Each structure stands twice: as C-alpha cells, then as structure tokens.
C-alpha cells in the first residue's frame, strides 16, 4: 500500500531526529562535565605545585564562578532539546540560542587566556586568585573551551542543515 503524499512530503522536508536531542543535551552539559572533571583532578593533583595544578585551579575558579553564566545557558539548551520532538522550530531556536551564547562565553575565555599570556607582568593583578599560566599551561587551559566551541558549532550545523517540519494539510 502506498503512503499518502502528505507523509512523503513531511519526510522529504526533514524533521526532528532523536540524535538531535542527544547531541544538544551532551553538548549543553560539557561545561558542567569540565567542572566535575577539574574538581576531581584537583583532588588527585592535591596542590603539588605543578603547571597542571595551576590549570586545574583556573578551570575550577572559572567553572565555579562561571556557573552564574553557564548554568542558565545549559538550562536554555536543555529546554530546547526537550522541546525538539514536539515543536522542532522552537526547540531549534532555543538550542541554537544556548549553543551560540556558550560559544561566545568559551571564545571569550580563550581570548582572555591568550591575552593574559601576552600581557606584560607589570600589568597583572598582584592580588589575583590564580597565578599566570605558562605557555604550555595556557595551551592546556584553552583545549576544553575549543572543544566546547567545536561541539556547539557541530550542534548548530546539525540543527540548521535541514528545514523545520512543515505540516501538509
């Protein structure tokens, strides 16, 4: 038996796929996973005074104090992922908003770390909670934020590469 033309049109135009919600959810949780991993790493490192410890301290400080910014973005993305199956268009916009904002935050952290590396020592805050990172420390520090930017870019491309579901009446 042949399918009705309207069902064929819906499938051809594209719609929600389960992997969309999975991708959005996992990518939205990346900043929280980085915080958990860095906290566990800090307990293992236990202030041995290495450059890795300095990176862990920076990840912890930014992760804990950055919850004020990252947690609302995570919630917006997760709401978007939850809405995707029923209202693809709205879910796509919410997920895109959360992913785009998280990309801006992660990009600002990368630019800030590189700027801190290139800043002359006389301009650094002597009362800073974390010391300046070395070149290798800065390279390690920016890696998870670059991964967050790449993963969010992947989510945006996946969500916007096909049109929203159009209902044929």
N, C-alpha and C. Protein backbone atom coordinates (compact mmCIF):
# COMPACT_ATOMS: atom_id res chain seq x y z
N UNK A 1 0.85 -1.17 0.00
CA UNK A 1 0.00 0.00 0.00
C UNK A 1 0.90 1.25 0.00
N UNK A 2 0.60 2.17 -0.84
CA UNK A 2 1.40 3.39 -0.98
C UNK A 2 1.08 4.36 0.15
N UNK A 3 2.12 5.12 0.55
CA UNK A 3 1.93 6.12 1.59
C UNK A 3 1.22 7.33 1.02
N UNK A 4 0.46 8.02 1.87
CA UNK A 4 -0.16 9.26 1.40
C UNK A 4 0.91 10.28 1.03
N UNK A 5 0.57 11.14 0.09
CA UNK A 5 1.52 12.15 -0.39
C UNK A 5 1.97 13.07 0.73
N UNK A 6 1.08 13.37 1.69
CA UNK A 6 1.44 14.29 2.77
C UNK A 6 2.53 13.69 3.65
N UNK A 7 2.51 12.38 3.91
CA UNK A 7 3.55 11.75 4.74
C UNK A 7 4.89 11.78 4.01
N UNK A 8 4.86 11.60 2.71
CA UNK A 8 6.08 11.64 1.92
C UNK A 8 6.67 13.05 1.94
N UNK A 9 5.81 14.05 1.83
CA UNK A 9 6.27 15.43 1.87
C UNK A 9 6.92 15.75 3.21
N UNK A 10 6.31 15.30 4.31
CA UNK A 10 6.87 15.57 5.62
C UNK A 10 8.24 14.93 5.78
N UNK A 11 8.38 13.71 5.33
CA UNK A 11 9.65 13.03 5.48
C UNK A 11 10.72 13.67 4.59
N UNK A 12 10.35 14.11 3.42
CA UNK A 12 11.30 14.71 2.49
C UNK A 12 11.80 16.06 2.98
N UNK A 13 10.96 16.81 3.67
CA UNK A 13 11.34 18.15 4.12
C UNK A 13 12.27 18.11 5.33
N UNK A 14 12.29 17.03 6.09
CA UNK A 14 13.13 16.94 7.27
C UNK A 14 12.35 17.26 8.53
N UNK A 15 12.82 16.73 9.62
CA UNK A 15 12.15 16.96 10.90
C UNK A 15 13.10 16.58 12.01
N UNK A 16 12.55 16.49 13.20
CA UNK A 16 13.33 16.12 14.37
C UNK A 16 13.83 14.69 14.23
N UNK A 17 15.04 14.47 14.67
CA UNK A 17 15.59 13.13 14.78
C UNK A 17 16.11 12.96 16.19
N UNK A 18 16.05 11.77 16.71
CA UNK A 18 16.44 11.52 18.10
C UNK A 18 17.85 12.00 18.39
N UNK A 19 18.73 11.84 17.44
CA UNK A 19 20.11 12.24 17.69
C UNK A 19 20.25 13.75 17.90
N UNK A 20 19.31 14.54 17.38
CA UNK A 20 19.35 15.98 17.61
C UNK A 20 19.28 16.30 19.10
N UNK A 21 18.31 15.70 19.77
CA UNK A 21 18.16 15.94 21.20
C UNK A 21 19.36 15.42 21.98
N UNK A 22 19.88 14.27 21.55
CA UNK A 22 21.05 13.69 22.24
C UNK A 22 22.26 14.60 22.08
N UNK A 23 22.49 15.09 20.86
CA UNK A 23 23.63 15.99 20.62
C UNK A 23 23.50 17.27 21.45
N UNK A 24 22.33 17.87 21.41
CA UNK A 24 22.13 19.12 22.15
C UNK A 24 22.34 18.90 23.64
N UNK A 25 21.82 17.80 24.16
CA UNK A 25 21.94 17.52 25.60
C UNK A 25 23.39 17.35 26.02
N UNK A 26 24.12 16.50 25.32
CA UNK A 26 25.51 16.25 25.70
C UNK A 26 26.38 17.49 25.54
N UNK A 27 26.18 18.22 24.47
CA UNK A 27 26.99 19.42 24.26
C UNK A 27 26.64 20.49 25.29
N UNK A 28 25.38 20.59 25.66
CA UNK A 28 24.98 21.57 26.68
C UNK A 28 25.62 21.25 28.02
N UNK A 29 25.82 19.98 28.30
CA UNK A 29 26.38 19.57 29.60
C UNK A 29 27.90 19.62 29.65
N UNK A 30 28.57 19.91 28.55
CA UNK A 30 30.04 19.93 28.53
C UNK A 30 30.67 20.87 29.57
N UNK A 31 30.18 22.10 29.77
CA UNK A 31 30.81 22.95 30.80
C UNK A 31 30.68 22.37 32.20
N UNK A 32 29.55 21.73 32.49
CA UNK A 32 29.38 21.11 33.81
C UNK A 32 30.27 19.89 33.95
N UNK A 33 30.42 19.13 32.86
CA UNK A 33 31.33 17.98 32.91
C UNK A 33 32.78 18.43 33.11
N UNK A 34 33.16 19.55 32.48
CA UNK A 34 34.51 20.08 32.68
C UNK A 34 34.72 20.46 34.14
N UNK A 35 33.73 21.06 34.75
CA UNK A 35 33.84 21.42 36.16
C UNK A 35 34.01 20.18 37.03
N UNK A 36 33.23 19.16 36.80
CA UNK A 36 33.32 17.94 37.61
C UNK A 36 34.68 17.28 37.42
N UNK A 37 35.13 17.17 36.19
CA UNK A 37 36.43 16.55 35.92
C UNK A 37 37.56 17.37 36.54
N UNK A 38 37.48 18.69 36.45
CA UNK A 38 38.55 19.53 37.02
C UNK A 38 38.55 19.47 38.54
N UNK A 39 37.37 19.37 39.15
CA UNK A 39 37.34 19.21 40.61
C UNK A 39 37.95 17.88 41.03
N UNK A 40 37.63 16.81 40.31
CA UNK A 40 38.24 15.51 40.60
C UNK A 40 39.75 15.55 40.37
N UNK A 41 40.16 16.21 39.28
CA UNK A 41 41.58 16.35 39.00
C UNK A 41 42.31 17.15 40.07
N UNK A 42 41.65 18.15 40.64
CA UNK A 42 42.27 18.93 41.71
C UNK A 42 42.46 18.09 42.97
N UNK A 43 41.51 17.20 43.24
CA UNK A 43 41.67 16.32 44.40
C UNK A 43 42.83 15.34 44.19
N UNK A 44 43.00 14.86 42.97
CA UNK A 44 44.10 13.94 42.66
C UNK A 44 45.43 14.69 42.66
N UNK A 45 45.46 15.86 42.06
CA UNK A 45 46.69 16.66 41.98
C UNK A 45 47.14 17.10 43.36
N UNK A 46 46.20 17.48 44.20
CA UNK A 46 46.42 17.81 45.61
C UNK A 46 47.53 18.84 45.82
N UNK A 47 47.51 19.92 45.03
CA UNK A 47 48.39 21.07 45.22
C UNK A 47 49.87 20.68 45.24
N UNK A 48 50.30 19.96 44.24
CA UNK A 48 51.70 19.55 44.13
C UNK A 48 52.59 20.65 43.57
N UNK A 49 51.99 21.74 43.13
CA UNK A 49 52.78 22.87 42.64
C UNK A 49 53.21 22.76 41.20
N UNK A 50 52.59 21.91 40.41
CA UNK A 50 52.97 21.79 39.00
C UNK A 50 52.13 22.73 38.15
N UNK A 51 52.50 22.86 36.88
CA UNK A 51 51.73 23.71 35.97
C UNK A 51 50.36 23.13 35.71
N UNK A 52 50.23 21.80 35.83
CA UNK A 52 48.91 21.18 35.66
C UNK A 52 47.99 21.61 36.80
N UNK A 53 48.53 21.73 37.99
CA UNK A 53 47.75 22.21 39.13
C UNK A 53 47.25 23.63 38.92
N UNK A 54 48.09 24.48 38.31
CA UNK A 54 47.66 25.84 38.00
C UNK A 54 46.49 25.85 37.02
N UNK A 55 46.55 24.97 36.02
CA UNK A 55 45.46 24.87 35.04
C UNK A 55 44.19 24.38 35.73
N UNK A 56 44.33 23.39 36.59
CA UNK A 56 43.16 22.88 37.32
C UNK A 56 42.53 23.95 38.20
N UNK A 57 43.37 24.76 38.83
CA UNK A 57 42.85 25.86 39.66
C UNK A 57 42.07 26.85 38.79
N UNK A 58 42.60 27.17 37.64
CA UNK A 58 41.90 28.11 36.75
C UNK A 58 40.58 27.52 36.28
N UNK A 59 40.57 26.23 35.88
CA UNK A 59 39.33 25.58 35.47
C UNK A 59 38.31 25.58 36.60
N UNK A 60 38.78 25.32 37.82
CA UNK A 60 37.86 25.30 38.97
C UNK A 60 37.29 26.68 39.26
N UNK A 61 38.15 27.69 39.26
CA UNK A 61 37.67 29.04 39.53
C UNK A 61 36.68 29.50 38.47
N UNK A 62 37.03 29.29 37.22
CA UNK A 62 36.13 29.72 36.15
C UNK A 62 34.88 28.86 36.14
N UNK A 63 35.02 27.58 36.43
CA UNK A 63 33.86 26.70 36.45
C UNK A 63 32.88 27.03 37.56
N UNK A 64 33.39 27.28 38.75
CA UNK A 64 32.50 27.56 39.89
C UNK A 64 31.88 28.94 39.77
N UNK A 65 32.70 29.96 39.54
CA UNK A 65 32.15 31.31 39.43
C UNK A 65 31.42 31.52 38.10
N UNK A 66 31.78 30.73 37.10
CA UNK A 66 31.12 30.83 35.81
C UNK A 66 29.76 30.16 35.76
N UNK A 67 29.39 29.44 36.82
CA UNK A 67 28.06 28.83 36.85
C UNK A 67 26.96 29.87 36.73
N UNK A 68 27.24 31.08 37.16
CA UNK A 68 26.27 32.17 37.06
C UNK A 68 25.90 32.41 35.59
N UNK A 69 26.87 32.24 34.71
CA UNK A 69 26.64 32.45 33.28
C UNK A 69 26.28 31.14 32.58
N UNK A 70 27.05 30.09 32.86
CA UNK A 70 26.88 28.85 32.09
C UNK A 70 25.63 28.07 32.46
N UNK A 71 25.22 28.10 33.71
CA UNK A 71 24.04 27.32 34.11
C UNK A 71 22.77 27.78 33.40
N UNK A 72 22.48 29.08 33.31
CA UNK A 72 21.30 29.48 32.53
C UNK A 72 21.39 29.08 31.05
N UNK A 73 22.58 29.12 30.47
CA UNK A 73 22.73 28.71 29.07
C UNK A 73 22.50 27.21 28.92
N UNK A 74 22.97 26.44 29.88
CA UNK A 74 22.74 24.99 29.86
C UNK A 74 21.24 24.71 29.96
N UNK A 75 20.56 25.44 30.85
CA UNK A 75 19.11 25.23 31.01
C UNK A 75 18.37 25.57 29.73
N UNK A 76 18.72 26.66 29.08
CA UNK A 76 18.06 27.05 27.82
C UNK A 76 18.28 25.96 26.77
N UNK A 77 19.51 25.46 26.66
CA UNK A 77 19.78 24.40 25.68
C UNK A 77 19.03 23.12 26.01
N UNK A 78 18.96 22.77 27.29
CA UNK A 78 18.25 21.54 27.67
C UNK A 78 16.75 21.67 27.44
N UNK A 79 16.20 22.85 27.68
CA UNK A 79 14.78 23.07 27.37
C UNK A 79 14.58 22.95 25.86
N UNK A 80 15.49 23.50 25.09
CA UNK A 80 15.40 23.37 23.64
C UNK A 80 15.46 21.91 23.20
N UNK A 81 16.33 21.11 23.83
CA UNK A 81 16.43 19.69 23.49
C UNK A 81 15.15 18.95 23.86
N UNK A 82 14.53 19.35 24.96
CA UNK A 82 13.29 18.69 25.38
C UNK A 82 12.12 19.06 24.47
N UNK A 83 12.14 20.26 23.92
CA UNK A 83 11.05 20.74 23.08
C UNK A 83 11.21 20.27 21.62
N UNK A 84 12.42 19.88 21.23
CA UNK A 84 12.67 19.50 19.84
C UNK A 84 11.68 18.46 19.28
N UNK A 85 11.35 17.39 20.00
CA UNK A 85 10.46 16.39 19.40
C UNK A 85 9.06 16.92 19.10
N UNK A 86 8.53 17.77 19.95
CA UNK A 86 7.15 18.22 19.75
C UNK A 86 7.05 19.51 18.93
N UNK A 87 7.96 20.44 19.15
CA UNK A 87 7.96 21.71 18.43
C UNK A 87 9.39 21.96 17.93
N UNK A 88 9.68 21.34 16.81
CA UNK A 88 11.05 21.38 16.29
C UNK A 88 11.56 22.80 16.08
N UNK A 89 10.72 23.65 15.53
CA UNK A 89 11.14 25.02 15.23
C UNK A 89 11.54 25.77 16.51
N UNK A 90 10.71 25.72 17.54
CA UNK A 90 11.02 26.39 18.82
C UNK A 90 12.23 25.76 19.49
N UNK A 91 12.27 24.43 19.50
CA UNK A 91 13.41 23.74 20.11
C UNK A 91 14.71 24.06 19.42
N UNK A 92 14.66 24.18 18.10
CA UNK A 92 15.86 24.53 17.35
C UNK A 92 16.33 25.93 17.71
N UNK A 93 15.42 26.87 17.83
CA UNK A 93 15.80 28.24 18.20
C UNK A 93 16.36 28.30 19.62
N UNK A 94 15.71 27.62 20.58
CA UNK A 94 16.22 27.63 21.96
C UNK A 94 17.58 26.96 22.05
N UNK A 95 17.73 25.82 21.41
CA UNK A 95 19.02 25.13 21.42
C UNK A 95 20.10 25.98 20.76
N UNK A 96 19.74 26.64 19.69
CA UNK A 96 20.70 27.50 18.99
C UNK A 96 21.10 28.69 19.83
N UNK A 97 20.14 29.25 20.53
CA UNK A 97 20.44 30.38 21.42
C UNK A 97 21.42 29.96 22.51
N UNK A 98 21.14 28.84 23.16
CA UNK A 98 22.04 28.36 24.21
C UNK A 98 23.42 28.01 23.67
N UNK A 99 23.46 27.33 22.53
CA UNK A 99 24.75 26.94 21.94
C UNK A 99 25.55 28.14 21.48
N UNK A 100 24.89 29.10 20.86
CA UNK A 100 25.60 30.29 20.38
C UNK A 100 26.16 31.11 21.53
N UNK A 101 25.37 31.28 22.57
CA UNK A 101 25.85 32.03 23.73
C UNK A 101 27.00 31.31 24.42
N UNK A 102 26.93 29.98 24.48
CA UNK A 102 28.03 29.23 25.10
C UNK A 102 29.29 29.33 24.25
N UNK A 103 29.13 29.40 22.94
CA UNK A 103 30.29 29.60 22.07
C UNK A 103 30.94 30.94 22.34
N UNK A 104 30.13 31.97 22.55
CA UNK A 104 30.68 33.30 22.84
C UNK A 104 31.43 33.30 24.18
N UNK A 105 30.85 32.66 25.18
CA UNK A 105 31.49 32.59 26.50
C UNK A 105 32.82 31.84 26.41
N UNK A 106 32.80 30.67 25.76
CA UNK A 106 34.03 29.88 25.63
C UNK A 106 35.07 30.64 24.80
N UNK A 107 34.63 31.32 23.76
CA UNK A 107 35.55 32.11 22.96
C UNK A 107 36.18 33.25 23.75
N UNK A 108 35.37 33.88 24.60
CA UNK A 108 35.90 34.96 25.45
C UNK A 108 36.94 34.41 26.43
N UNK A 109 36.72 33.21 26.94
CA UNK A 109 37.70 32.61 27.86
C UNK A 109 39.00 32.28 27.13
N UNK A 110 38.91 31.82 25.89
CA UNK A 110 40.12 31.52 25.12
C UNK A 110 40.88 32.81 24.83
N UNK A 111 40.17 33.83 24.39
CA UNK A 111 40.83 35.11 24.10
C UNK A 111 41.42 35.70 25.38
N UNK A 112 40.71 35.61 26.49
CA UNK A 112 41.22 36.12 27.76
C UNK A 112 42.48 35.40 28.21
N UNK A 113 42.52 34.08 28.03
CA UNK A 113 43.70 33.32 28.44
C UNK A 113 44.90 33.68 27.58
N UNK A 114 44.66 33.84 26.29
CA UNK A 114 45.77 34.22 25.40
C UNK A 114 46.23 35.65 25.69
N UNK A 115 45.29 36.53 25.96
CA UNK A 115 45.65 37.91 26.30
C UNK A 115 46.42 37.96 27.62
N UNK A 116 46.03 37.11 28.57
CA UNK A 116 46.74 37.06 29.85
C UNK A 116 48.16 36.56 29.66
N UNK A 117 48.33 35.65 28.72
CA UNK A 117 49.67 35.12 28.44
C UNK A 117 50.57 36.19 27.84
N UNK A 118 50.00 37.05 27.02
CA UNK A 118 50.81 38.06 26.33
C UNK A 118 50.90 39.39 27.09
N UNK A 119 50.20 39.50 28.20
CA UNK A 119 50.24 40.74 28.98
C UNK A 119 51.57 40.84 29.73
N UNK A 120 52.20 42.01 29.69
CA UNK A 120 53.44 42.20 30.46
C UNK A 120 53.19 42.01 31.95
N UNK A 121 54.16 41.47 32.68
CA UNK A 121 53.97 41.17 34.11
C UNK A 121 53.58 42.38 34.95
N UNK A 122 54.02 43.58 34.58
CA UNK A 122 53.72 44.75 35.39
C UNK A 122 52.24 45.13 35.34
N UNK A 123 51.49 44.62 34.36
CA UNK A 123 50.07 44.92 34.25
C UNK A 123 49.18 43.87 34.90
N UNK A 124 49.75 42.82 35.41
CA UNK A 124 48.96 41.76 36.03
C UNK A 124 48.56 42.16 37.44
N UNK A 125 47.42 41.65 37.87
CA UNK A 125 46.92 41.94 39.21
C UNK A 125 47.72 41.14 40.23
N UNK A 126 48.39 41.82 41.16
CA UNK A 126 49.19 41.08 42.15
C UNK A 126 48.31 40.32 43.16
N UNK A 127 47.06 40.70 43.28
CA UNK A 127 46.16 40.04 44.23
C UNK A 127 45.26 39.01 43.56
N UNK A 128 45.65 38.55 42.39
CA UNK A 128 44.84 37.58 41.66
C UNK A 128 44.78 36.26 42.41
N UNK A 129 43.64 35.57 42.30
CA UNK A 129 43.47 34.29 42.97
C UNK A 129 44.27 33.18 42.31
N UNK A 130 44.57 33.34 41.07
CA UNK A 130 45.35 32.34 40.34
C UNK A 130 46.52 33.04 39.65
N UNK A 131 47.63 32.38 39.66
CA UNK A 131 48.81 32.94 39.03
C UNK A 131 48.73 32.85 37.53
N UNK A 132 49.64 33.53 36.84
CA UNK A 132 49.65 33.46 35.38
C UNK A 132 50.06 32.06 34.92
N UNK A 133 49.48 31.63 33.83
CA UNK A 133 49.80 30.32 33.28
C UNK A 133 50.98 30.42 32.33
N UNK A 134 51.74 29.33 32.24
CA UNK A 134 52.83 29.26 31.28
C UNK A 134 52.26 29.05 29.88
N UNK A 135 53.13 29.02 28.89
CA UNK A 135 52.67 28.79 27.52
C UNK A 135 52.01 27.41 27.41
N UNK A 136 52.63 26.40 28.00
CA UNK A 136 52.06 25.05 27.98
C UNK A 136 50.77 24.99 28.80
N UNK A 137 50.74 25.68 29.93
CA UNK A 137 49.53 25.73 30.75
C UNK A 137 48.38 26.41 30.04
N UNK A 138 48.68 27.50 29.33
CA UNK A 138 47.64 28.19 28.58
C UNK A 138 47.12 27.31 27.45
N UNK A 139 48.03 26.60 26.79
CA UNK A 139 47.60 25.69 25.71
C UNK A 139 46.67 24.62 26.26
N UNK A 140 47.00 24.05 27.40
CA UNK A 140 46.14 23.04 28.02
C UNK A 140 44.83 23.65 28.50
N UNK A 141 44.91 24.87 29.03
CA UNK A 141 43.71 25.53 29.55
C UNK A 141 42.67 25.78 28.47
N UNK A 142 43.09 26.16 27.27
CA UNK A 142 42.13 26.52 26.22
C UNK A 142 41.55 25.31 25.49
N UNK A 143 42.18 24.13 25.61
CA UNK A 143 41.71 22.95 24.87
C UNK A 143 40.25 22.62 25.13
N UNK A 144 39.79 22.51 26.39
CA UNK A 144 38.37 22.16 26.57
C UNK A 144 37.41 23.24 26.06
N UNK A 145 37.82 24.48 26.11
CA UNK A 145 36.96 25.54 25.61
C UNK A 145 36.89 25.53 24.09
N UNK A 146 38.00 25.16 23.44
CA UNK A 146 37.97 24.99 22.00
C UNK A 146 37.10 23.79 21.61
N UNK A 147 37.13 22.74 22.43
CA UNK A 147 36.26 21.58 22.19
C UNK A 147 34.80 21.99 22.35
N UNK A 148 34.50 22.81 23.36
CA UNK A 148 33.13 23.29 23.57
C UNK A 148 32.67 24.11 22.36
N UNK A 149 33.55 24.96 21.84
CA UNK A 149 33.20 25.76 20.66
C UNK A 149 32.94 24.85 19.46
N UNK A 150 33.81 23.86 19.24
CA UNK A 150 33.65 22.95 18.10
C UNK A 150 32.38 22.12 18.24
N UNK A 151 32.09 21.62 19.45
CA UNK A 151 30.90 20.80 19.65
C UNK A 151 29.62 21.62 19.46
N UNK A 152 29.62 22.84 19.94
CA UNK A 152 28.45 23.70 19.74
C UNK A 152 28.27 24.07 18.27
N UNK A 153 29.37 24.26 17.56
CA UNK A 153 29.29 24.51 16.12
C UNK A 153 28.68 23.30 15.41
N UNK A 154 29.09 22.10 15.82
CA UNK A 154 28.54 20.87 15.25
C UNK A 154 27.03 20.79 15.49
N UNK A 155 26.60 21.12 16.70
CA UNK A 155 25.17 21.09 17.02
C UNK A 155 24.41 22.09 16.15
N UNK A 156 24.93 23.30 16.01
CA UNK A 156 24.26 24.30 15.19
C UNK A 156 24.15 23.86 13.73
N UNK A 157 25.21 23.28 13.22
CA UNK A 157 25.17 22.81 11.83
C UNK A 157 24.15 21.69 11.68
N UNK A 158 24.14 20.75 12.63
CA UNK A 158 23.17 19.64 12.56
C UNK A 158 21.73 20.14 12.65
N UNK A 159 21.48 21.12 13.50
CA UNK A 159 20.11 21.61 13.67
C UNK A 159 19.64 22.43 12.47
N UNK A 160 20.54 23.14 11.84
CA UNK A 160 20.11 24.06 10.78
C UNK A 160 20.39 23.54 9.37
N UNK A 161 20.90 22.34 9.22
CA UNK A 161 21.18 21.84 7.88
C UNK A 161 19.93 21.38 7.15
N UNK A 162 18.84 21.22 7.87
CA UNK A 162 17.58 20.82 7.23
C UNK A 162 16.48 21.75 7.72
N UNK A 163 15.45 21.92 6.93
CA UNK A 163 14.36 22.82 7.33
C UNK A 163 13.49 22.22 8.43
N UNK A 164 12.77 23.07 9.10
CA UNK A 164 11.83 22.62 10.13
C UNK A 164 10.70 21.86 9.46
N UNK A 165 10.07 21.00 10.21
CA UNK A 165 8.97 20.20 9.72
C UNK A 165 7.81 21.12 9.30
N UNK A 166 7.36 20.92 8.08
CA UNK A 166 6.22 21.69 7.58
C UNK A 166 5.06 20.73 7.47
N UNK A 167 3.98 21.03 8.12
CA UNK A 167 2.81 20.15 8.11
C UNK A 167 2.01 20.36 6.83
N UNK A 168 1.80 19.28 6.15
CA UNK A 168 0.97 19.34 4.94
C UNK A 168 -0.46 19.05 5.33
N UNK A 169 -1.36 19.93 5.01
CA UNK A 169 -2.76 19.74 5.38
C UNK A 169 -3.54 19.06 4.29
